[in-house]
Amino acid sequence: MTSIFDFSCKTLQGKDKALSDYKGHVVLIVNTASKCGFTPQFAGLENLYKDLQEKGLVILGFPCNQFGSQDPGSNEEIGEFCQLNYGVSFPMMAKVDVNGDDADPIFKHLKAEKPGILGSKRIKWNFTKFLCDREGNVVKRFAPSDRPEQIRQAIMDLL
């Protein structure tokens, strides 16, 4: 059986990152955007990360420009935006596609494991969240409108 720990990706700095480095952690994967109505969720995600990282939470942000072209910047610009505006300290990955033929393999896996409403294999908007347990199994999918504060208990249940 495939887990998220079987995948790798690129960091904002262009370095390869094996997700197996996060084995034993609860992982929240989020497709993000810098110019979206949900962008203020960066603050809530950062709060969750600061509060729970010592208990084993890792949040991975994956910028995506597929929804209304709401993250058009370079990886460097995205990193600066997240740091300056929200103090983001959780790992941010390089910009990816989450839908379509060029969707990043991790998102193909996440969508297959936890489809959306009515079994949809698409991500409908920025800030869709996937919660994975310490073994790398995709446990739950949260809608973009689910604020970080609202999903805290689901994370705590896995920690």
Protein backbone atom coordinates (compact mmCIF):
# COMPACT_ATOMS: atom_id res chain seq x y z
CA MET A 1 0.00 0.00 0.00
CA THR A 2 1.26 3.45 -0.90
CA SER A 3 1.62 6.15 1.73
CA ILE A 4 2.56 9.81 1.48
CA PHE A 5 6.00 8.79 2.68
CA ASP A 6 6.62 7.08 -0.69
CA PHE A 7 6.71 10.47 -2.45
CA SER A 8 9.19 13.28 -2.78
CA CYS A 9 8.80 16.87 -3.87
CA LYS A 10 10.78 20.07 -4.28
CA THR A 11 11.11 22.77 -1.65
CA LEU A 12 10.59 26.44 -2.44
CA GLN A 13 14.39 26.60 -2.77
CA GLY A 14 14.32 23.87 -5.44
CA LYS A 15 15.83 21.12 -3.28
CA ASP A 16 14.52 17.55 -3.38
CA LYS A 17 12.63 16.59 -0.22
CA ALA A 18 11.65 13.02 0.59
CA LEU A 19 8.36 12.97 2.48
CA SER A 20 9.73 9.89 4.27
CA ASP A 21 11.69 12.45 6.34
CA TYR A 22 8.37 13.07 8.11
CA LYS A 23 7.70 9.43 9.06
CA GLY A 24 6.28 9.26 12.55
CA HIS A 25 4.67 12.70 12.25
CA VAL A 26 1.07 13.68 11.65
CA VAL A 27 1.15 15.61 8.36
CA LEU A 28 -1.29 18.23 7.11
CA ILE A 29 -0.88 18.95 3.39
CA VAL A 30 -2.45 22.15 2.07
CA ASN A 31 -2.56 23.66 -1.42
CA THR A 32 -2.02 27.36 -0.83
CA ALA A 33 -2.26 30.65 -2.70
CA SER A 34 -1.03 34.15 -1.89
CA LYS A 35 -3.90 36.16 -3.39
CA CYS A 36 -6.98 34.19 -2.36
CA GLY A 37 -9.87 34.99 -0.05
CA PHE A 38 -8.64 32.07 2.09
CA THR A 39 -5.04 33.36 2.23
CA PRO A 40 -5.50 34.61 5.83
CA GLN A 41 -5.65 30.91 6.78
CA PHE A 42 -1.85 31.06 6.69
CA ALA A 43 -2.06 32.71 10.13
CA GLY A 44 -4.20 29.89 11.54
CA LEU A 45 -1.99 27.23 9.98
CA GLU A 46 1.09 28.86 11.47
CA ASN A 47 -0.59 28.95 14.89
CA LEU A 48 -1.44 25.24 14.63
CA TYR A 49 2.13 24.48 13.61
CA LYS A 50 3.66 26.48 16.46
CA ASP A 51 1.30 24.93 19.01
CA LEU A 52 1.55 21.33 17.87
CA GLN A 53 4.87 20.75 16.12
CA GLU A 54 6.53 19.52 19.32
CA LYS A 55 3.75 16.92 19.62
CA GLY A 56 4.55 15.70 16.10
CA LEU A 57 2.59 17.87 13.63
CA VAL A 58 4.10 18.89 10.30
CA ILE A 59 2.28 21.19 7.92
CA LEU A 60 3.35 21.20 4.28
CA GLY A 61 2.22 24.06 2.07
CA PHE A 62 2.10 23.53 -1.69
CA PRO A 63 1.48 26.78 -3.60
CA CYS A 64 -0.79 26.39 -6.62
CA ASN A 65 -1.75 28.87 -9.35
CA GLN A 66 -4.58 26.80 -10.89
CA PHE A 67 -7.50 28.59 -9.22
CA GLY A 68 -8.09 32.10 -10.53
CA SER A 69 -4.32 32.61 -11.04
CA GLN A 70 -4.11 33.48 -7.34
CA ASP A 71 -0.46 32.52 -6.87
CA PRO A 72 1.33 33.88 -9.96
CA GLY A 73 4.65 34.66 -8.27
CA SER A 74 7.91 32.75 -8.37
CA ASN A 75 8.77 30.30 -5.60
CA GLU A 76 11.04 32.98 -4.13
CA GLU A 77 8.27 35.60 -4.17
CA ILE A 78 5.82 33.15 -2.60
CA GLY A 79 8.28 32.38 0.19
CA GLU A 80 8.86 36.06 0.89
CA PHE A 81 5.11 36.75 0.93
CA CYS A 82 4.39 33.92 3.37
CA GLN A 83 7.21 34.93 5.70
CA LEU A 84 6.62 38.70 5.64
CA ASN A 85 2.83 38.62 5.91
CA TYR A 86 2.20 35.57 8.07
CA GLY A 87 5.53 34.55 9.60
CA VAL A 88 5.18 31.10 8.05
CA SER A 89 7.77 28.75 9.52
CA PHE A 90 6.28 25.43 8.40
CA PRO A 91 7.79 23.88 5.26
CA MET A 92 6.63 25.34 1.97
CA MET A 93 7.17 23.34 -1.19
CA ALA A 94 7.63 24.48 -4.77
CA LYS A 95 4.56 25.57 -6.72
CA VAL A 96 2.64 22.61 -8.18
CA ASP A 97 -0.46 21.76 -10.15
CA VAL A 98 -3.02 19.83 -8.10
CA ASN A 99 -5.47 18.99 -10.90
CA GLY A 100 -5.13 17.81 -14.48
CA ASP A 101 -2.55 15.80 -16.36
CA ASP A 102 0.35 17.72 -14.79
CA ALA A 103 -0.89 17.33 -11.20
CA ASP A 104 1.92 16.56 -8.78
CA PRO A 105 1.99 12.84 -7.90
CA ILE A 106 1.39 13.53 -4.19
CA PHE A 107 -1.88 15.28 -5.05
CA LYS A 108 -2.94 12.48 -7.38
CA HIS A 109 -2.43 10.13 -4.43
CA LEU A 110 -4.21 12.38 -1.91
CA LYS A 111 -7.26 12.79 -4.18
CA ALA A 112 -7.43 9.06 -4.90
CA GLU A 113 -7.30 8.25 -1.18
CA LYS A 114 -9.81 10.91 -0.10
CA PRO A 115 -12.03 12.05 -2.97
CA GLY A 116 -14.14 15.14 -2.59
CA ILE A 117 -17.90 15.50 -2.48
CA LEU A 118 -19.73 12.92 -4.61
CA GLY A 119 -16.43 11.13 -5.21
CA SER A 120 -14.84 13.98 -7.15
CA LYS A 121 -11.16 13.43 -7.87
CA ARG A 122 -10.58 17.16 -8.29
CA ILE A 123 -9.56 19.79 -5.82
CA LYS A 124 -12.09 22.58 -6.05
CA TRP A 125 -10.09 25.53 -4.68
CA ASN A 126 -7.08 26.78 -2.75
CA PHE A 127 -6.60 25.69 0.86
CA THR A 128 -8.00 22.19 0.50
CA LYS A 129 -6.39 20.24 3.34
CA PHE A 130 -5.42 16.58 3.67
CA LEU A 131 -4.68 15.13 7.11
CA CYS A 132 -2.35 12.12 7.25
CA ASP A 133 -1.52 9.90 10.22
CA ARG A 134 1.93 8.96 11.51
CA GLU A 135 2.06 6.00 9.09
CA GLY A 136 1.40 8.23 6.07
CA ASN A 137 -2.21 7.18 5.53
CA VAL A 138 -4.59 9.86 4.28
CA VAL A 139 -7.19 10.06 7.04
CA LYS A 140 -9.37 13.07 6.21
CA ARG A 141 -9.95 15.75 3.61
CA PHE A 142 -11.06 19.24 4.59
CA ALA A 143 -12.69 21.85 2.38
CA PRO A 144 -11.08 25.24 1.68
CA SER A 145 -13.69 26.86 3.93
CA ASP A 146 -12.64 24.68 6.91
CA ARG A 147 -10.49 27.06 8.93
CA PRO A 148 -7.41 25.73 10.74
CA GLU A 149 -9.07 26.28 14.13
CA GLN A 150 -11.95 24.04 13.04
CA ILE A 151 -9.69 21.09 12.20
CA ARG A 152 -7.56 21.29 15.34
CA GLN A 153 -9.44 18.48 17.13
CA ALA A 154 -9.04 16.10 14.19
CA ILE A 155 -5.28 16.76 14.31
CA MET A 156 -5.19 16.33 18.09
CA ASP A 157 -6.95 12.97 17.75
CA LEU A 158 -4.00 11.71 15.67
CA LEU A 159 -1.29 13.17 17.88
